[in-house]
Amino acid sequence: MHGRSPSNTPVPIKKARLEIIPLIDIMFFLLASFMLVSLTMINMKGIEVNLPTATNAQQNNKPDFTLVSIDVLQDIYFDKVHVPDSDVLARFRDLYNQDHGARVYIRCDKDVPYEKVVFVLDKARTAGIQKVGLEIKPAAGAGANAPTVAPAGPAASDHH
């Protein structure tokens, strides 16, 4: 009577086994699902709010980028400080020496000639700065009034 149930049935008794492989598959599926959901949550855009003030708040004095502006008169500003054309390369070199991963955003008036923007891009590239973006304003129907930053390709170089 080996392998038969005590009630003399023809079906042999088997011990129950816990299969781990399907459980692992389910856990990987859940992990991937939660990762995808969390990635979509990061891209949510906040609305503009009037922030409260705090008496012990400290200002962040170390921005993670430098804003280079070109106004309609073709004057160049580094974070609201006017810089003559002859000193632009020196300012970019100072930025690069302080931080080799320095990021620069260029914003300019729409009536500024393309040559002036290429001049600034070329000086940034000459100084060694690789992370350059162009700040643009989305169209009126694009949904937001805030300016956005479009990454610029490799800084200008002479292609004749």
N, C-alpha and C. Protein backbone atom coordinates (compact mmCIF):
# COMPACT_ATOMS: atom_id res chain seq x y z
N MET A 1 0.81 -1.18 0.00
CA MET A 1 0.00 0.00 0.00
C MET A 1 0.86 1.25 0.00
N HIS A 2 1.96 1.18 -0.64
CA HIS A 2 2.80 2.36 -0.72
C HIS A 2 2.29 3.29 -1.78
N GLY A 3 2.21 4.61 -1.49
CA GLY A 3 1.82 5.62 -2.44
C GLY A 3 0.32 5.72 -2.65
N ARG A 4 -0.48 4.97 -1.89
CA ARG A 4 -1.93 5.06 -2.05
C ARG A 4 -2.53 5.66 -0.80
N SER A 5 -3.66 6.31 -0.98
CA SER A 5 -4.32 6.92 0.18
C SER A 5 -4.88 5.83 1.08
N PRO A 6 -5.07 6.16 2.34
CA PRO A 6 -5.58 5.15 3.27
C PRO A 6 -6.97 4.65 2.92
N SER A 7 -7.72 5.42 2.12
CA SER A 7 -9.08 4.98 1.80
C SER A 7 -9.11 4.12 0.55
N ASN A 8 -7.96 3.63 0.13
CA ASN A 8 -7.83 2.74 -1.01
C ASN A 8 -8.32 3.35 -2.32
N THR A 9 -8.00 4.67 -2.54
CA THR A 9 -8.34 5.31 -3.81
C THR A 9 -7.17 5.12 -4.76
N PRO A 10 -7.45 5.08 -6.06
CA PRO A 10 -6.36 4.87 -7.02
C PRO A 10 -5.45 6.08 -7.20
N VAL A 11 -5.81 7.26 -6.67
CA VAL A 11 -5.00 8.48 -6.83
C VAL A 11 -3.94 8.51 -5.74
N PRO A 12 -2.66 8.61 -6.14
CA PRO A 12 -1.61 8.66 -5.11
C PRO A 12 -1.59 10.03 -4.42
N ILE A 13 -1.13 10.05 -3.18
CA ILE A 13 -1.03 11.30 -2.41
C ILE A 13 0.30 11.96 -2.73
N LYS A 14 0.22 13.27 -3.08
CA LYS A 14 1.44 14.04 -3.34
C LYS A 14 1.55 15.15 -2.32
N LYS A 15 2.78 15.47 -1.98
CA LYS A 15 3.00 16.58 -1.07
C LYS A 15 2.85 17.89 -1.83
N ALA A 16 2.29 18.92 -1.20
CA ALA A 16 2.12 20.24 -1.83
C ALA A 16 3.48 20.94 -1.94
N ARG A 17 3.70 21.58 -3.08
CA ARG A 17 4.96 22.30 -3.29
C ARG A 17 4.66 23.78 -3.52
N LEU A 18 5.51 24.61 -3.01
CA LEU A 18 5.37 26.04 -3.21
C LEU A 18 6.29 26.45 -4.35
N GLU A 19 5.72 26.89 -5.46
CA GLU A 19 6.50 27.29 -6.63
C GLU A 19 6.91 28.75 -6.48
N ILE A 20 8.21 29.00 -6.50
CA ILE A 20 8.75 30.34 -6.30
C ILE A 20 8.81 31.14 -7.60
N ILE A 21 9.03 30.51 -8.72
CA ILE A 21 9.24 31.23 -9.99
C ILE A 21 8.04 32.09 -10.37
N PRO A 22 6.80 31.63 -10.28
CA PRO A 22 5.68 32.53 -10.58
C PRO A 22 5.59 33.71 -9.62
N LEU A 23 5.96 33.50 -8.37
CA LEU A 23 5.95 34.61 -7.40
C LEU A 23 7.00 35.66 -7.76
N ILE A 24 8.15 35.21 -8.22
CA ILE A 24 9.19 36.15 -8.63
C ILE A 24 8.73 36.95 -9.84
N ASP A 25 8.06 36.30 -10.79
CA ASP A 25 7.53 36.99 -11.97
C ASP A 25 6.53 38.07 -11.56
N ILE A 26 5.67 37.75 -10.63
CA ILE A 26 4.68 38.72 -10.17
C ILE A 26 5.37 39.90 -9.48
N MET A 27 6.39 39.62 -8.68
CA MET A 27 7.08 40.70 -7.98
C MET A 27 7.80 41.63 -8.97
N PHE A 28 8.42 41.08 -10.01
CA PHE A 28 9.05 41.92 -11.02
C PHE A 28 8.01 42.77 -11.76
N PHE A 29 6.87 42.19 -12.06
CA PHE A 29 5.80 42.94 -12.71
C PHE A 29 5.35 44.11 -11.84
N LEU A 30 5.15 43.85 -10.55
CA LEU A 30 4.74 44.93 -9.63
C LEU A 30 5.82 46.01 -9.51
N LEU A 31 7.08 45.58 -9.44
CA LEU A 31 8.17 46.54 -9.36
C LEU A 31 8.22 47.44 -10.59
N ALA A 32 8.11 46.84 -11.77
CA ALA A 32 8.12 47.62 -13.01
C ALA A 32 6.92 48.56 -13.07
N SER A 33 5.77 48.10 -12.64
CA SER A 33 4.56 48.95 -12.65
C SER A 33 4.73 50.16 -11.74
N PHE A 34 5.23 49.95 -10.54
CA PHE A 34 5.42 51.07 -9.62
C PHE A 34 6.49 52.04 -10.13
N MET A 35 7.51 51.53 -10.77
CA MET A 35 8.54 52.42 -11.32
C MET A 35 7.95 53.29 -12.43
N LEU A 36 7.17 52.72 -13.32
CA LEU A 36 6.57 53.50 -14.40
C LEU A 36 5.59 54.54 -13.87
N VAL A 37 4.81 54.16 -12.87
CA VAL A 37 3.86 55.11 -12.28
C VAL A 37 4.61 56.25 -11.61
N SER A 38 5.69 55.96 -10.91
CA SER A 38 6.43 57.02 -10.22
C SER A 38 7.12 57.94 -11.22
N LEU A 39 7.57 57.42 -12.37
CA LEU A 39 8.18 58.28 -13.37
C LEU A 39 7.17 59.24 -13.98
N THR A 40 5.94 58.81 -14.17
CA THR A 40 4.94 59.72 -14.73
C THR A 40 4.52 60.76 -13.71
N MET A 41 4.64 60.47 -12.44
CA MET A 41 4.26 61.45 -11.41
C MET A 41 5.28 62.58 -11.34
N ILE A 42 6.53 62.33 -11.69
CA ILE A 42 7.57 63.35 -11.60
C ILE A 42 7.31 64.47 -12.61
N ASN A 43 6.74 64.14 -13.78
CA ASN A 43 6.56 65.12 -14.84
C ASN A 43 5.37 66.04 -14.62
N MET A 44 4.67 65.91 -13.53
CA MET A 44 3.54 66.79 -13.28
C MET A 44 4.03 68.21 -13.06
N LYS A 45 3.33 69.17 -13.64
CA LYS A 45 3.73 70.56 -13.50
C LYS A 45 2.87 71.21 -12.43
N GLY A 46 3.52 72.02 -11.61
CA GLY A 46 2.80 72.68 -10.54
C GLY A 46 2.18 73.97 -11.02
N ILE A 47 1.22 74.45 -10.29
CA ILE A 47 0.62 75.73 -10.61
C ILE A 47 1.36 76.82 -9.87
N GLU A 48 1.23 78.04 -10.34
CA GLU A 48 1.92 79.15 -9.70
C GLU A 48 1.16 79.55 -8.44
N VAL A 49 1.86 79.62 -7.33
CA VAL A 49 1.23 79.98 -6.06
C VAL A 49 2.01 81.11 -5.41
N ASN A 50 1.35 81.81 -4.52
CA ASN A 50 1.98 82.88 -3.75
C ASN A 50 2.57 82.23 -2.50
N LEU A 51 3.90 82.10 -2.47
CA LEU A 51 4.55 81.37 -1.38
C LEU A 51 4.59 82.19 -0.09
N PRO A 52 4.46 81.52 1.04
CA PRO A 52 4.57 82.23 2.32
C PRO A 52 6.03 82.56 2.62
N THR A 53 6.26 83.47 3.54
CA THR A 53 7.61 83.84 3.93
C THR A 53 7.93 83.24 5.28
N ALA A 54 9.22 83.07 5.53
CA ALA A 54 9.68 82.56 6.82
C ALA A 54 10.80 83.46 7.32
N THR A 55 10.84 83.70 8.60
CA THR A 55 11.83 84.62 9.16
C THR A 55 13.22 84.01 9.17
N ASN A 56 13.34 82.69 9.25
CA ASN A 56 14.65 82.04 9.32
C ASN A 56 15.08 81.45 7.98
N ALA A 57 14.39 81.77 6.91
CA ALA A 57 14.74 81.22 5.61
C ALA A 57 16.04 81.83 5.12
N GLN A 58 16.84 81.01 4.44
CA GLN A 58 18.10 81.47 3.87
C GLN A 58 18.01 81.40 2.37
N GLN A 59 18.55 82.41 1.71
CA GLN A 59 18.52 82.44 0.26
C GLN A 59 19.57 81.49 -0.29
N ASN A 60 19.23 80.83 -1.39
CA ASN A 60 20.16 79.94 -2.06
C ASN A 60 21.10 80.80 -2.89
N ASN A 61 22.33 80.97 -2.41
CA ASN A 61 23.29 81.85 -3.08
C ASN A 61 24.10 81.14 -4.14
N LYS A 62 23.90 79.84 -4.32
CA LYS A 62 24.66 79.09 -5.31
C LYS A 62 23.71 78.52 -6.34
N PRO A 63 23.40 79.30 -7.39
CA PRO A 63 22.50 78.78 -8.41
C PRO A 63 23.18 77.67 -9.19
N ASP A 64 22.37 76.81 -9.80
CA ASP A 64 22.94 75.69 -10.55
C ASP A 64 23.14 76.02 -12.02
N PHE A 65 22.92 77.28 -12.41
CA PHE A 65 23.18 77.70 -13.78
C PHE A 65 23.47 79.20 -13.81
N THR A 66 24.05 79.64 -14.90
CA THR A 66 24.32 81.06 -15.11
C THR A 66 23.46 81.53 -16.27
N LEU A 67 22.76 82.63 -16.07
CA LEU A 67 21.88 83.17 -17.09
C LEU A 67 22.61 84.28 -17.84
N VAL A 68 22.78 84.09 -19.14
CA VAL A 68 23.41 85.10 -20.00
C VAL A 68 22.31 85.71 -20.85
N SER A 69 22.11 87.02 -20.71
CA SER A 69 21.04 87.71 -21.42
C SER A 69 21.62 88.66 -22.45
N ILE A 70 20.92 88.76 -23.58
CA ILE A 70 21.29 89.71 -24.63
C ILE A 70 20.04 90.56 -24.88
N ASP A 71 20.15 91.88 -24.63
CA ASP A 71 18.97 92.73 -24.81
C ASP A 71 18.89 93.23 -26.24
N VAL A 72 17.86 94.02 -26.51
CA VAL A 72 17.61 94.50 -27.87
C VAL A 72 18.74 95.42 -28.37
N LEU A 73 19.49 96.02 -27.45
CA LEU A 73 20.62 96.87 -27.84
C LEU A 73 21.90 96.06 -28.02
N GLN A 74 21.80 94.73 -27.95
CA GLN A 74 22.90 93.78 -28.11
C GLN A 74 23.92 93.87 -26.97
N ASP A 75 23.50 94.34 -25.82
CA ASP A 75 24.35 94.33 -24.62
C ASP A 75 24.23 92.95 -23.97
N ILE A 76 25.34 92.44 -23.46
CA ILE A 76 25.39 91.11 -22.86
C ILE A 76 25.45 91.25 -21.34
N TYR A 77 24.62 90.47 -20.65
CA TYR A 77 24.56 90.50 -19.19
C TYR A 77 24.77 89.08 -18.66
N PHE A 78 25.61 88.95 -17.64
CA PHE A 78 25.78 87.71 -16.90
C PHE A 78 25.07 87.89 -15.58
N ASP A 79 23.93 87.22 -15.40
CA ASP A 79 23.13 87.36 -14.18
C ASP A 79 22.91 88.82 -13.82
N LYS A 80 22.42 89.61 -14.73
CA LYS A 80 22.06 91.02 -14.56
C LYS A 80 23.25 91.96 -14.42
N VAL A 81 24.46 91.49 -14.67
CA VAL A 81 25.66 92.33 -14.62
C VAL A 81 26.14 92.53 -16.06
N HIS A 82 26.21 93.79 -16.50
CA HIS A 82 26.62 94.08 -17.87
C HIS A 82 28.09 93.70 -18.06
N VAL A 83 28.36 93.02 -19.17
CA VAL A 83 29.71 92.59 -19.51
C VAL A 83 30.00 93.05 -20.94
N PRO A 84 31.09 93.80 -21.15
CA PRO A 84 31.44 94.19 -22.52
C PRO A 84 31.80 92.97 -23.37
N ASP A 85 31.65 93.09 -24.69
CA ASP A 85 31.94 91.97 -25.59
C ASP A 85 33.35 91.43 -25.41
N SER A 86 34.29 92.31 -25.12
CA SER A 86 35.69 91.88 -24.99
C SER A 86 35.93 91.03 -23.74
N ASP A 87 35.04 91.11 -22.75
CA ASP A 87 35.23 90.37 -21.50
C ASP A 87 34.38 89.10 -21.41
N VAL A 88 33.60 88.81 -22.46
CA VAL A 88 32.71 87.64 -22.40
C VAL A 88 33.50 86.34 -22.27
N LEU A 89 34.56 86.20 -23.06
CA LEU A 89 35.37 84.98 -23.00
C LEU A 89 36.00 84.80 -21.62
N ALA A 90 36.50 85.90 -21.03
CA ALA A 90 37.10 85.82 -19.69
C ALA A 90 36.06 85.39 -18.66
N ARG A 91 34.83 85.89 -18.76
CA ARG A 91 33.78 85.49 -17.81
C ARG A 91 33.44 84.01 -17.95
N PHE A 92 33.35 83.53 -19.20
CA PHE A 92 33.09 82.11 -19.41
C PHE A 92 34.23 81.25 -18.88
N ARG A 93 35.46 81.71 -19.06
CA ARG A 93 36.61 80.94 -18.52
C ARG A 93 36.57 80.89 -17.01
N ASP A 94 36.19 82.00 -16.35
CA ASP A 94 36.06 82.01 -14.90
C ASP A 94 35.00 81.00 -14.45
N LEU A 95 33.87 80.98 -15.17
CA LEU A 95 32.81 80.01 -14.84
C LEU A 95 33.32 78.58 -14.98
N TYR A 96 34.04 78.32 -16.07
CA TYR A 96 34.54 76.97 -16.31
C TYR A 96 35.58 76.57 -15.27
N ASN A 97 36.43 77.52 -14.86
CA ASN A 97 37.45 77.20 -13.85
C ASN A 97 36.82 76.93 -12.48
N GLN A 98 35.71 77.59 -12.18
CA GLN A 98 35.03 77.35 -10.91
C GLN A 98 34.30 76.01 -10.91
N ASP A 99 33.73 75.64 -12.06
CA ASP A 99 32.96 74.41 -12.16
C ASP A 99 33.03 73.90 -13.60
N HIS A 100 33.70 72.75 -13.81
CA HIS A 100 33.85 72.21 -15.16
C HIS A 100 32.52 71.73 -15.73
N GLY A 101 31.52 71.52 -14.90
CA GLY A 101 30.20 71.12 -15.37
C GLY A 101 29.22 72.28 -15.37
N ALA A 102 29.73 73.50 -15.49
CA ALA A 102 28.87 74.69 -15.43
C ALA A 102 27.82 74.65 -16.52
N ARG A 103 26.62 75.10 -16.16
CA ARG A 103 25.52 75.17 -17.12
C ARG A 103 25.21 76.64 -17.40
N VAL A 104 24.97 76.94 -18.65
CA VAL A 104 24.69 78.31 -19.08
C VAL A 104 23.38 78.30 -19.86
N TYR A 105 22.49 79.23 -19.51
CA TYR A 105 21.27 79.44 -20.28
C TYR A 105 21.36 80.81 -20.94
N ILE A 106 21.12 80.84 -22.23
CA ILE A 106 21.17 82.09 -22.98
C ILE A 106 19.75 82.51 -23.30
N ARG A 107 19.44 83.75 -22.96
CA ARG A 107 18.14 84.31 -23.32
C ARG A 107 18.41 85.62 -24.02
N CYS A 108 17.69 85.85 -25.09
CA CYS A 108 17.90 87.09 -25.82
C CYS A 108 16.59 87.58 -26.40
N ASP A 109 16.58 88.86 -26.71
CA ASP A 109 15.43 89.48 -27.33
C ASP A 109 15.25 88.89 -28.73
N LYS A 110 14.02 88.76 -29.18
CA LYS A 110 13.77 88.14 -30.48
C LYS A 110 14.32 88.96 -31.64
N ASP A 111 14.61 90.25 -31.42
CA ASP A 111 15.14 91.10 -32.48
C ASP A 111 16.67 91.13 -32.50
N VAL A 112 17.32 90.37 -31.63
CA VAL A 112 18.78 90.33 -31.63
C VAL A 112 19.24 89.53 -32.84
N PRO A 113 20.23 90.03 -33.57
CA PRO A 113 20.73 89.28 -34.74
C PRO A 113 21.31 87.93 -34.33
N TYR A 114 21.16 86.98 -35.24
CA TYR A 114 21.66 85.63 -35.01
C TYR A 114 23.16 85.62 -34.76
N GLU A 115 23.88 86.54 -35.39
CA GLU A 115 25.34 86.61 -35.23
C GLU A 115 25.74 86.86 -33.78
N LYS A 116 24.93 87.63 -33.06
CA LYS A 116 25.26 87.93 -31.66
C LYS A 116 25.10 86.68 -30.80
N VAL A 117 24.07 85.88 -31.07
CA VAL A 117 23.88 84.64 -30.32
C VAL A 117 25.02 83.66 -30.62
N VAL A 118 25.41 83.58 -31.90
CA VAL A 118 26.52 82.71 -32.28
C VAL A 118 27.81 83.18 -31.62
N PHE A 119 27.99 84.50 -31.49
CA PHE A 119 29.17 85.04 -30.81
C PHE A 119 29.24 84.53 -29.37
N VAL A 120 28.11 84.59 -28.65
CA VAL A 120 28.08 84.13 -27.25
C VAL A 120 28.29 82.62 -27.17
N LEU A 121 27.63 81.86 -28.06
CA LEU A 121 27.82 80.40 -28.08
C LEU A 121 29.27 80.03 -28.36
N ASP A 122 29.90 80.74 -29.29
CA ASP A 122 31.28 80.45 -29.64
C ASP A 122 32.23 80.73 -28.47
N LYS A 123 31.99 81.81 -27.75
CA LYS A 123 32.83 82.14 -26.58
C LYS A 123 32.66 81.10 -25.48
N ALA A 124 31.43 80.61 -25.29
CA ALA A 124 31.20 79.56 -24.28
C ALA A 124 31.94 78.30 -24.66
N ARG A 125 31.87 77.93 -25.94
CA ARG A 125 32.55 76.71 -26.40
C ARG A 125 34.07 76.86 -26.29
N THR A 126 34.58 78.04 -26.63
CA THR A 126 36.03 78.28 -26.54
C THR A 126 36.51 78.14 -25.09
N ALA A 127 35.67 78.58 -24.15
CA ALA A 127 36.05 78.49 -22.73
C ALA A 127 35.96 77.06 -22.20
N GLY A 128 35.30 76.16 -22.94
CA GLY A 128 35.20 74.76 -22.51
C GLY A 128 33.84 74.38 -21.96
N ILE A 129 32.90 75.30 -21.93
CA ILE A 129 31.57 75.01 -21.39
C ILE A 129 30.78 74.22 -22.43
N GLN A 130 30.27 73.06 -22.02
CA GLN A 130 29.54 72.18 -22.93
C GLN A 130 28.03 72.23 -22.73
N LYS A 131 27.58 72.60 -21.55
CA LYS A 131 26.15 72.57 -21.23
C LYS A 131 25.55 73.96 -21.44
N VAL A 132 25.01 74.17 -22.63
CA VAL A 132 24.44 75.46 -22.99
C VAL A 132 23.00 75.24 -23.42
N GLY A 133 22.09 76.04 -22.89
CA GLY A 133 20.68 75.96 -23.28
C GLY A 133 20.19 77.32 -23.72
N LEU A 134 19.15 77.32 -24.54
CA LEU A 134 18.54 78.56 -25.00
C LEU A 134 17.17 78.68 -24.35
N GLU A 135 16.93 79.80 -23.69
CA GLU A 135 15.64 80.00 -23.04
C GLU A 135 14.67 80.54 -24.07
N ILE A 136 13.51 79.88 -24.16
CA ILE A 136 12.49 80.28 -25.12
C ILE A 136 11.17 80.45 -24.40
N LYS A 137 10.25 81.14 -25.04
CA LYS A 137 8.92 81.33 -24.49
C LYS A 137 7.95 80.52 -25.35
N PRO A 138 7.13 79.66 -24.73
CA PRO A 138 6.20 78.87 -25.53
C PRO A 138 5.14 79.76 -26.19
N ALA A 139 4.55 79.26 -27.26
CA ALA A 139 3.50 80.00 -27.95
C ALA A 139 2.30 80.18 -27.04
N ALA A 140 1.45 81.12 -27.35
CA ALA A 140 0.31 81.45 -26.49
C ALA A 140 -0.60 80.24 -26.27
N GLY A 141 -0.75 79.38 -27.25
CA GLY A 141 -1.62 78.22 -27.11
C GLY A 141 -0.92 77.01 -26.51
N ALA A 142 0.36 77.15 -26.13
CA ALA A 142 1.11 76.00 -25.64
C ALA A 142 0.74 75.62 -24.22
N GLY A 143 -0.01 76.44 -23.52
CA GLY A 143 -0.49 76.03 -22.21
C GLY A 143 0.16 76.71 -21.04
N ALA A 144 1.37 77.21 -21.15
CA ALA A 144 2.04 77.82 -20.01
C ALA A 144 2.57 79.19 -20.40
N ASN A 145 2.61 80.09 -19.43
CA ASN A 145 3.14 81.42 -19.67
C ASN A 145 4.60 81.53 -19.26
N ALA A 146 5.08 80.56 -18.51
CA ALA A 146 6.46 80.61 -18.03
C ALA A 146 7.42 80.24 -19.16
N PRO A 147 8.59 80.90 -19.20
CA PRO A 147 9.57 80.53 -20.23
C PRO A 147 10.14 79.15 -19.96
N THR A 148 10.52 78.47 -21.02
CA THR A 148 11.12 77.15 -20.88
C THR A 148 12.52 77.20 -21.46
N VAL A 149 13.27 76.14 -21.22
CA VAL A 149 14.65 76.08 -21.70
C VAL A 149 14.75 74.95 -22.69
N ALA A 150 15.23 75.28 -23.88
CA ALA A 150 15.47 74.27 -24.90
C ALA A 150 16.96 74.02 -24.96
N PRO A 151 17.37 72.76 -24.90
CA PRO A 151 18.80 72.49 -24.95
C PRO A 151 19.36 72.85 -26.32
N ALA A 152 20.48 73.52 -26.30
CA ALA A 152 21.15 73.85 -27.55
C ALA A 152 22.07 72.69 -27.91
N GLY A 153 22.28 72.53 -29.17
CA GLY A 153 23.22 71.51 -29.61
C GLY A 153 24.62 71.94 -29.27
N PRO A 154 25.60 71.32 -29.89
CA PRO A 154 26.97 71.76 -29.66
C PRO A 154 27.09 73.22 -29.99
N ALA A 155 27.85 73.93 -29.18
CA ALA A 155 28.01 75.36 -29.38
C ALA A 155 28.56 75.63 -30.77
N ALA A 156 28.35 76.85 -31.20
CA ALA A 156 28.67 77.20 -32.58
C ALA A 156 30.14 77.00 -32.89
N SER A 157 30.38 76.55 -34.08
CA SER A 157 31.75 76.46 -34.57
C SER A 157 31.72 76.85 -36.03
N ASP A 158 32.84 77.25 -36.56
CA ASP A 158 32.89 77.73 -37.93
C ASP A 158 32.89 76.55 -38.89
N HIS A 159 31.87 76.47 -39.72
CA HIS A 159 31.79 75.46 -40.77
C HIS A 159 31.76 76.21 -42.09
N HIS A 160 32.85 76.23 -42.81
CA HIS A 160 32.89 76.94 -44.10
C HIS A 160 32.86 75.95 -45.21
